Every structure is written in structure tokens, then in C-alpha cells.
């Protein structure tokens, strides 16, 4: 699943699902959510949702379970899952991954926390 984060609170990141595999599903309106427990597979109790995702981030995830109607519970707990594209807070420039939990703005050099794929 590829999705765009729309809202983040301390327990859940809400997403709009954009693609399933290589098939785009624009305008269909499928929603997903990534719960704090499904962000990573270690130190689950120490996950900070605001340091993992921000609205606008493009995330690669898997379906953990079917949620409510037209909404899916998503997971980024595997190492190859997480943020694949993000824009810097201050510069609005695309960020570059530097580690599993950090991205850097090439324009300003500022480091930003994310759960990087």
C-alpha cells in the first residue's frame, strides 16, 4: 500500500490510500490508519507519532487488518516500510533519508525525524 498521511495525533496517523501494489486508486476514497503499536516492531511503547510521520508524507505500508467500513489498519513495522517521500518543514523541499529514523533537508541541512523506509 502507498498512502499519504493526512493527520497525526499521539496514537494514530490517518492516511488516504493512493496505490495498492502498482495499481493507482485515485478518487476512490479508501482510508487507512497507522496505530502507534504498528509503527515499528521494537520499543513499541516509546514510539512518538509526531516524530514518525507528518501530514503530507508518502508512506509505504501493509494492511495489518480490516478496520471499519472503507478504512484499513496499516502497519510500517517492517524495516522496508515507512516514509518514502517527505517535504521539509521550513523549506518545503524534498527530504533525503540519512538513517532509519532521520531525513535531511538538502537545502538547509536540517535533520527531521521520520520512520524511514
N, C-alpha and C. Protein backbone atom coordinates (compact mmCIF):
# COMPACT_ATOMS: atom_id res chain seq x y z
N UNK A 1 0.85 -1.18 0.00
CA UNK A 1 0.00 0.00 0.00
C UNK A 1 0.90 1.24 0.00
N UNK A 2 0.54 2.23 -0.79
CA UNK A 2 1.17 3.54 -0.71
C UNK A 2 0.09 4.52 -0.29
N UNK A 3 0.39 5.34 0.72
CA UNK A 3 -0.63 6.26 1.22
C UNK A 3 -0.01 7.61 1.57
N UNK A 4 -0.89 8.61 1.70
CA UNK A 4 -0.48 9.95 2.11
C UNK A 4 -1.05 10.23 3.50
N UNK A 5 -0.19 10.66 4.40
CA UNK A 5 -0.62 10.99 5.76
C UNK A 5 -1.43 12.29 5.71
N UNK A 6 -2.60 12.27 6.33
CA UNK A 6 -3.46 13.45 6.34
C UNK A 6 -3.52 14.13 7.71
N UNK A 7 -3.35 13.34 8.77
CA UNK A 7 -3.47 13.88 10.12
C UNK A 7 -2.71 12.96 11.07
N UNK A 8 -2.07 13.56 12.07
CA UNK A 8 -1.32 12.78 13.06
C UNK A 8 -1.73 13.23 14.46
N UNK A 9 -2.05 12.27 15.32
CA UNK A 9 -2.27 12.57 16.73
C UNK A 9 -1.35 11.67 17.55
N UNK A 10 -1.30 11.78 18.85
CA UNK A 10 -0.34 10.99 19.63
C UNK A 10 -0.49 9.47 19.53
N UNK A 11 -1.63 8.96 19.04
CA UNK A 11 -1.83 7.50 18.97
C UNK A 11 -1.97 6.96 17.55
N UNK A 12 -2.39 7.80 16.60
CA UNK A 12 -2.71 7.31 15.25
C UNK A 12 -2.31 8.33 14.19
N UNK A 13 -1.82 7.82 13.05
CA UNK A 13 -1.63 8.64 11.85
C UNK A 13 -2.71 8.21 10.85
N UNK A 14 -3.50 9.15 10.38
CA UNK A 14 -4.57 8.87 9.42
C UNK A 14 -4.05 9.10 8.01
N UNK A 15 -4.48 8.25 7.07
CA UNK A 15 -3.95 8.27 5.71
C UNK A 15 -5.04 8.12 4.66
N UNK A 16 -4.74 8.65 3.46
CA UNK A 16 -5.53 8.37 2.26
C UNK A 16 -4.72 7.36 1.44
N UNK A 17 -5.33 6.25 1.07
CA UNK A 17 -4.63 5.22 0.29
C UNK A 17 -4.58 5.65 -1.17
N UNK A 18 -3.37 5.67 -1.75
CA UNK A 18 -3.15 6.12 -3.12
C UNK A 18 -2.98 4.97 -4.10
N UNK A 19 -2.25 3.92 -3.67
CA UNK A 19 -1.94 2.79 -4.55
C UNK A 19 -1.99 1.49 -3.77
N UNK A 20 -2.36 0.43 -4.48
CA UNK A 20 -2.27 -0.92 -3.96
C UNK A 20 -1.34 -1.65 -4.92
N UNK A 21 -0.14 -1.99 -4.46
CA UNK A 21 0.87 -2.53 -5.35
C UNK A 21 1.24 -1.46 -6.36
N UNK A 22 1.15 -1.79 -7.63
CA UNK A 22 1.44 -0.80 -8.68
C UNK A 22 0.17 -0.19 -9.26
N UNK A 23 -0.98 -0.55 -8.71
CA UNK A 23 -2.26 -0.06 -9.23
C UNK A 23 -2.72 1.18 -8.46
N UNK A 24 -2.85 2.28 -9.17
CA UNK A 24 -3.31 3.53 -8.58
C UNK A 24 -4.82 3.48 -8.38
N UNK A 25 -5.28 4.03 -7.24
CA UNK A 25 -6.72 4.07 -6.98
C UNK A 25 -7.14 5.50 -6.58
N UNK A 26 -6.88 6.49 -7.45
CA UNK A 26 -7.21 7.88 -7.10
C UNK A 26 -8.72 8.11 -7.05
N UNK A 27 -9.12 8.96 -6.16
CA UNK A 27 -10.51 9.36 -6.08
C UNK A 27 -11.46 8.34 -5.51
N UNK A 28 -10.98 7.16 -5.13
CA UNK A 28 -11.87 6.12 -4.60
C UNK A 28 -12.23 6.42 -3.15
N UNK A 29 -11.31 7.03 -2.42
CA UNK A 29 -11.60 7.44 -1.06
C UNK A 29 -11.32 6.40 0.02
N UNK A 30 -10.46 5.43 -0.25
CA UNK A 30 -10.11 4.47 0.79
C UNK A 30 -9.21 5.14 1.82
N UNK A 31 -9.50 4.90 3.06
CA UNK A 31 -8.75 5.49 4.17
C UNK A 31 -8.01 4.40 4.92
N UNK A 32 -6.96 4.79 5.62
CA UNK A 32 -6.23 3.87 6.46
C UNK A 32 -5.72 4.60 7.69
N UNK A 33 -5.29 3.84 8.66
CA UNK A 33 -4.70 4.44 9.86
C UNK A 33 -3.55 3.56 10.34
N UNK A 34 -2.51 4.23 10.82
CA UNK A 34 -1.35 3.53 11.38
C UNK A 34 -1.37 3.80 12.88
N UNK A 35 -1.62 2.77 13.65
CA UNK A 35 -1.64 2.91 15.11
C UNK A 35 -0.22 2.91 15.66
N UNK A 36 -0.04 3.54 16.79
CA UNK A 36 1.26 3.63 17.44
C UNK A 36 1.93 2.26 17.57
N UNK A 37 1.14 1.23 17.87
CA UNK A 37 1.67 -0.12 18.06
C UNK A 37 2.18 -0.74 16.76
N UNK A 38 1.76 -0.19 15.60
CA UNK A 38 2.12 -0.76 14.30
C UNK A 38 3.18 0.03 13.55
N UNK A 39 3.82 1.00 14.22
CA UNK A 39 4.83 1.81 13.55
C UNK A 39 6.13 1.04 13.38
N UNK A 40 6.58 0.37 14.43
CA UNK A 40 7.82 -0.41 14.36
C UNK A 40 7.68 -1.64 15.25
N UNK A 41 8.59 -2.57 15.09
CA UNK A 41 8.47 -3.86 15.81
C UNK A 41 9.24 -3.89 17.12
N UNK A 42 9.96 -2.84 17.47
CA UNK A 42 10.73 -2.81 18.72
C UNK A 42 10.40 -1.52 19.47
N UNK A 43 10.57 -1.54 20.78
CA UNK A 43 10.29 -0.38 21.63
C UNK A 43 8.98 0.30 21.26
N UNK A 44 7.95 -0.51 21.11
CA UNK A 44 6.64 -0.02 20.67
C UNK A 44 6.08 1.03 21.63
N UNK A 45 6.35 0.87 22.90
CA UNK A 45 5.83 1.81 23.90
C UNK A 45 6.53 3.17 23.86
N UNK A 46 7.65 3.29 23.14
CA UNK A 46 8.39 4.54 23.06
C UNK A 46 8.19 5.28 21.75
N UNK A 47 7.27 4.83 20.91
CA UNK A 47 7.03 5.47 19.61
C UNK A 47 6.40 6.84 19.81
N UNK A 48 6.97 7.85 19.14
CA UNK A 48 6.40 9.19 19.11
C UNK A 48 5.82 9.39 17.71
N UNK A 49 4.51 9.43 17.61
CA UNK A 49 3.86 9.52 16.29
C UNK A 49 4.27 10.78 15.54
N UNK A 50 4.43 11.91 16.25
CA UNK A 50 4.80 13.17 15.59
C UNK A 50 6.25 13.16 15.11
N UNK A 51 7.07 12.28 15.66
CA UNK A 51 8.45 12.13 15.19
C UNK A 51 8.55 11.04 14.12
N UNK A 52 7.47 10.32 13.87
CA UNK A 52 7.46 9.25 12.87
C UNK A 52 6.84 9.69 11.55
N UNK A 53 5.78 10.48 11.63
CA UNK A 53 5.03 10.90 10.43
C UNK A 53 4.59 12.36 10.57
N UNK A 54 4.41 13.01 9.42
CA UNK A 54 3.84 14.35 9.37
C UNK A 54 2.82 14.38 8.24
N UNK A 55 1.80 15.23 8.35
CA UNK A 55 0.84 15.33 7.25
C UNK A 55 1.55 15.65 5.93
N UNK A 56 1.15 14.95 4.88
CA UNK A 56 1.76 15.13 3.57
C UNK A 56 2.80 14.08 3.23
N UNK A 57 3.32 13.37 4.22
CA UNK A 57 4.31 12.32 3.97
C UNK A 57 3.70 11.20 3.12
N UNK A 58 4.49 10.66 2.21
CA UNK A 58 4.09 9.49 1.44
C UNK A 58 4.72 8.27 2.11
N UNK A 59 3.86 7.29 2.44
CA UNK A 59 4.28 6.15 3.25
C UNK A 59 4.00 4.84 2.52
N UNK A 60 4.96 3.91 2.62
CA UNK A 60 4.75 2.53 2.16
C UNK A 60 4.38 1.71 3.38
N UNK A 61 3.24 1.00 3.31
CA UNK A 61 2.74 0.23 4.45
C UNK A 61 2.11 -1.06 3.95
N UNK A 62 1.74 -1.92 4.88
CA UNK A 62 0.98 -3.13 4.57
C UNK A 62 -0.32 -3.08 5.37
N UNK A 63 -1.31 -3.82 4.88
CA UNK A 63 -2.58 -3.89 5.61
C UNK A 63 -2.40 -4.86 6.77
N UNK A 64 -2.59 -4.36 7.99
CA UNK A 64 -2.48 -5.20 9.19
C UNK A 64 -3.79 -5.93 9.44
N UNK A 65 -4.89 -5.25 9.20
CA UNK A 65 -6.22 -5.86 9.35
C UNK A 65 -7.26 -4.94 8.74
N UNK A 66 -8.44 -5.49 8.53
CA UNK A 66 -9.54 -4.66 8.05
C UNK A 66 -10.08 -3.87 9.22
N UNK A 67 -10.21 -2.59 9.04
CA UNK A 67 -10.76 -1.76 10.10
C UNK A 67 -12.26 -1.64 9.91
N UNK A 68 -12.76 -0.44 10.09
CA UNK A 68 -14.19 -0.19 9.89
C UNK A 68 -14.46 -0.06 8.39
N UNK A 69 -15.69 0.28 8.04
CA UNK A 69 -16.09 0.39 6.63
C UNK A 69 -15.19 1.39 5.90
N UNK A 70 -14.62 0.96 4.77
CA UNK A 70 -13.77 1.79 3.91
C UNK A 70 -12.53 2.34 4.62
N UNK A 71 -12.08 1.68 5.66
CA UNK A 71 -10.87 2.08 6.36
C UNK A 71 -10.08 0.82 6.73
N UNK A 72 -8.77 0.90 6.63
CA UNK A 72 -7.91 -0.25 6.89
C UNK A 72 -6.88 0.10 7.96
N UNK A 73 -6.56 -0.87 8.81
CA UNK A 73 -5.48 -0.72 9.77
C UNK A 73 -4.18 -1.06 9.05
N UNK A 74 -3.24 -0.13 9.03
CA UNK A 74 -1.99 -0.29 8.30
C UNK A 74 -0.82 -0.47 9.27
N UNK A 75 0.28 -1.03 8.76
CA UNK A 75 1.47 -1.24 9.57
C UNK A 75 2.72 -0.85 8.79
N UNK A 76 3.68 -0.24 9.50
CA UNK A 76 5.01 0.05 8.95
C UNK A 76 6.08 -0.62 9.80
N UNK A 77 5.73 -1.69 10.49
CA UNK A 77 6.63 -2.33 11.45
C UNK A 77 7.85 -3.00 10.81
N UNK A 78 7.79 -3.36 9.55
CA UNK A 78 8.95 -3.97 8.90
C UNK A 78 9.93 -2.90 8.46
N UNK A 79 11.22 -3.26 8.35
CA UNK A 79 12.25 -2.26 8.06
C UNK A 79 12.11 -1.60 6.69
N UNK A 80 11.54 -2.30 5.71
CA UNK A 80 11.41 -1.72 4.37
C UNK A 80 10.14 -0.87 4.22
N UNK A 81 9.41 -0.69 5.31
CA UNK A 81 8.18 0.11 5.30
C UNK A 81 8.37 1.40 6.07
N UNK A 82 7.67 2.45 5.67
CA UNK A 82 7.75 3.74 6.34
C UNK A 82 7.66 4.87 5.34
N UNK A 83 8.18 6.02 5.72
CA UNK A 83 8.12 7.22 4.87
C UNK A 83 9.07 7.04 3.69
N UNK A 84 8.55 7.22 2.48
CA UNK A 84 9.38 7.13 1.28
C UNK A 84 9.59 8.50 0.64
N UNK A 85 8.72 9.46 0.97
CA UNK A 85 8.84 10.81 0.43
C UNK A 85 8.25 11.79 1.43
N UNK A 86 8.98 12.87 1.67
CA UNK A 86 8.51 13.89 2.61
C UNK A 86 9.10 15.24 2.22
N UNK A 87 8.43 16.31 2.64
CA UNK A 87 8.92 17.66 2.40
C UNK A 87 9.37 18.26 3.72
N UNK A 88 10.41 19.10 3.66
CA UNK A 88 10.93 19.75 4.86
C UNK A 88 9.94 20.73 5.44
N UNK A 89 9.95 20.85 6.76
CA UNK A 89 9.01 21.75 7.44
C UNK A 89 9.26 23.20 7.07
N UNK A 90 10.51 23.64 7.13
CA UNK A 90 10.80 25.05 6.88
C UNK A 90 11.03 25.38 5.41
N UNK A 91 11.62 24.46 4.66
CA UNK A 91 11.98 24.76 3.27
C UNK A 91 10.97 24.28 2.24
N UNK A 92 10.14 23.31 2.62
CA UNK A 92 9.18 22.67 1.70
C UNK A 92 9.90 21.99 0.53
N UNK A 93 11.16 21.61 0.76
CA UNK A 93 11.96 20.88 -0.22
C UNK A 93 11.90 19.39 0.10
N UNK A 94 12.06 18.51 -0.92
CA UNK A 94 12.07 17.06 -0.66
C UNK A 94 13.22 16.68 0.27
N UNK A 95 12.91 15.83 1.25
CA UNK A 95 13.91 15.36 2.21
C UNK A 95 14.61 14.11 1.68
N UNK A 96 15.83 13.89 2.17
CA UNK A 96 16.64 12.73 1.80
C UNK A 96 16.86 11.88 3.06
N UNK A 97 16.64 10.58 2.94
CA UNK A 97 16.84 9.68 4.08
C UNK A 97 18.32 9.59 4.42
N UNK A 98 18.63 9.67 5.72
CA UNK A 98 20.03 9.51 6.16
C UNK A 98 20.18 8.34 7.13
N UNK A 99 19.08 7.89 7.73
CA UNK A 99 19.09 6.71 8.59
C UNK A 99 17.67 6.17 8.70
N UNK A 100 17.48 5.14 9.53
CA UNK A 100 16.15 4.53 9.66
C UNK A 100 15.15 5.44 10.35
N UNK A 101 15.64 6.51 11.02
CA UNK A 101 14.72 7.40 11.74
C UNK A 101 14.97 8.88 11.51
N UNK A 102 15.74 9.21 10.46
CA UNK A 102 16.08 10.61 10.21
C UNK A 102 16.12 10.90 8.71
N UNK A 103 15.63 12.09 8.36
CA UNK A 103 15.73 12.60 6.99
C UNK A 103 16.36 14.00 7.06
N UNK A 104 17.06 14.38 5.99
CA UNK A 104 17.76 15.67 5.96
C UNK A 104 17.23 16.51 4.80
N UNK A 105 17.10 17.81 5.06
CA UNK A 105 16.75 18.75 4.01
C UNK A 105 18.02 19.15 3.29
N UNK A 106 18.13 18.90 1.97
CA UNK A 106 19.35 19.24 1.25
C UNK A 106 19.57 20.75 1.16
N UNK A 107 18.50 21.53 1.21
CA UNK A 107 18.62 22.99 1.09
C UNK A 107 19.14 23.63 2.38
N UNK A 108 18.66 23.17 3.54
CA UNK A 108 19.03 23.80 4.81
C UNK A 108 19.95 22.95 5.67
N UNK A 109 20.04 21.65 5.38
CA UNK A 109 20.83 20.74 6.19
C UNK A 109 20.13 20.32 7.47
N UNK A 110 18.92 20.80 7.69
CA UNK A 110 18.15 20.48 8.90
C UNK A 110 17.76 19.01 8.90
N UNK A 111 17.92 18.35 10.07
CA UNK A 111 17.53 16.97 10.25
C UNK A 111 16.11 16.93 10.80
N UNK A 112 15.30 16.01 10.26
CA UNK A 112 13.92 15.85 10.72
C UNK A 112 13.67 14.37 11.03
N UNK A 113 13.01 14.09 12.15
CA UNK A 113 12.73 12.69 12.49
C UNK A 113 11.59 12.13 11.64
N UNK A 114 11.73 10.90 11.19
CA UNK A 114 10.69 10.17 10.47
C UNK A 114 10.95 8.69 10.66
N UNK A 115 9.92 7.85 10.44
CA UNK A 115 10.09 6.39 10.40
C UNK A 115 10.37 6.10 8.93
N UNK A 116 11.63 6.03 8.57
CA UNK A 116 12.05 5.94 7.17
C UNK A 116 12.00 4.51 6.67
N UNK A 117 11.53 4.34 5.44
CA UNK A 117 11.51 3.02 4.81
C UNK A 117 12.91 2.63 4.38
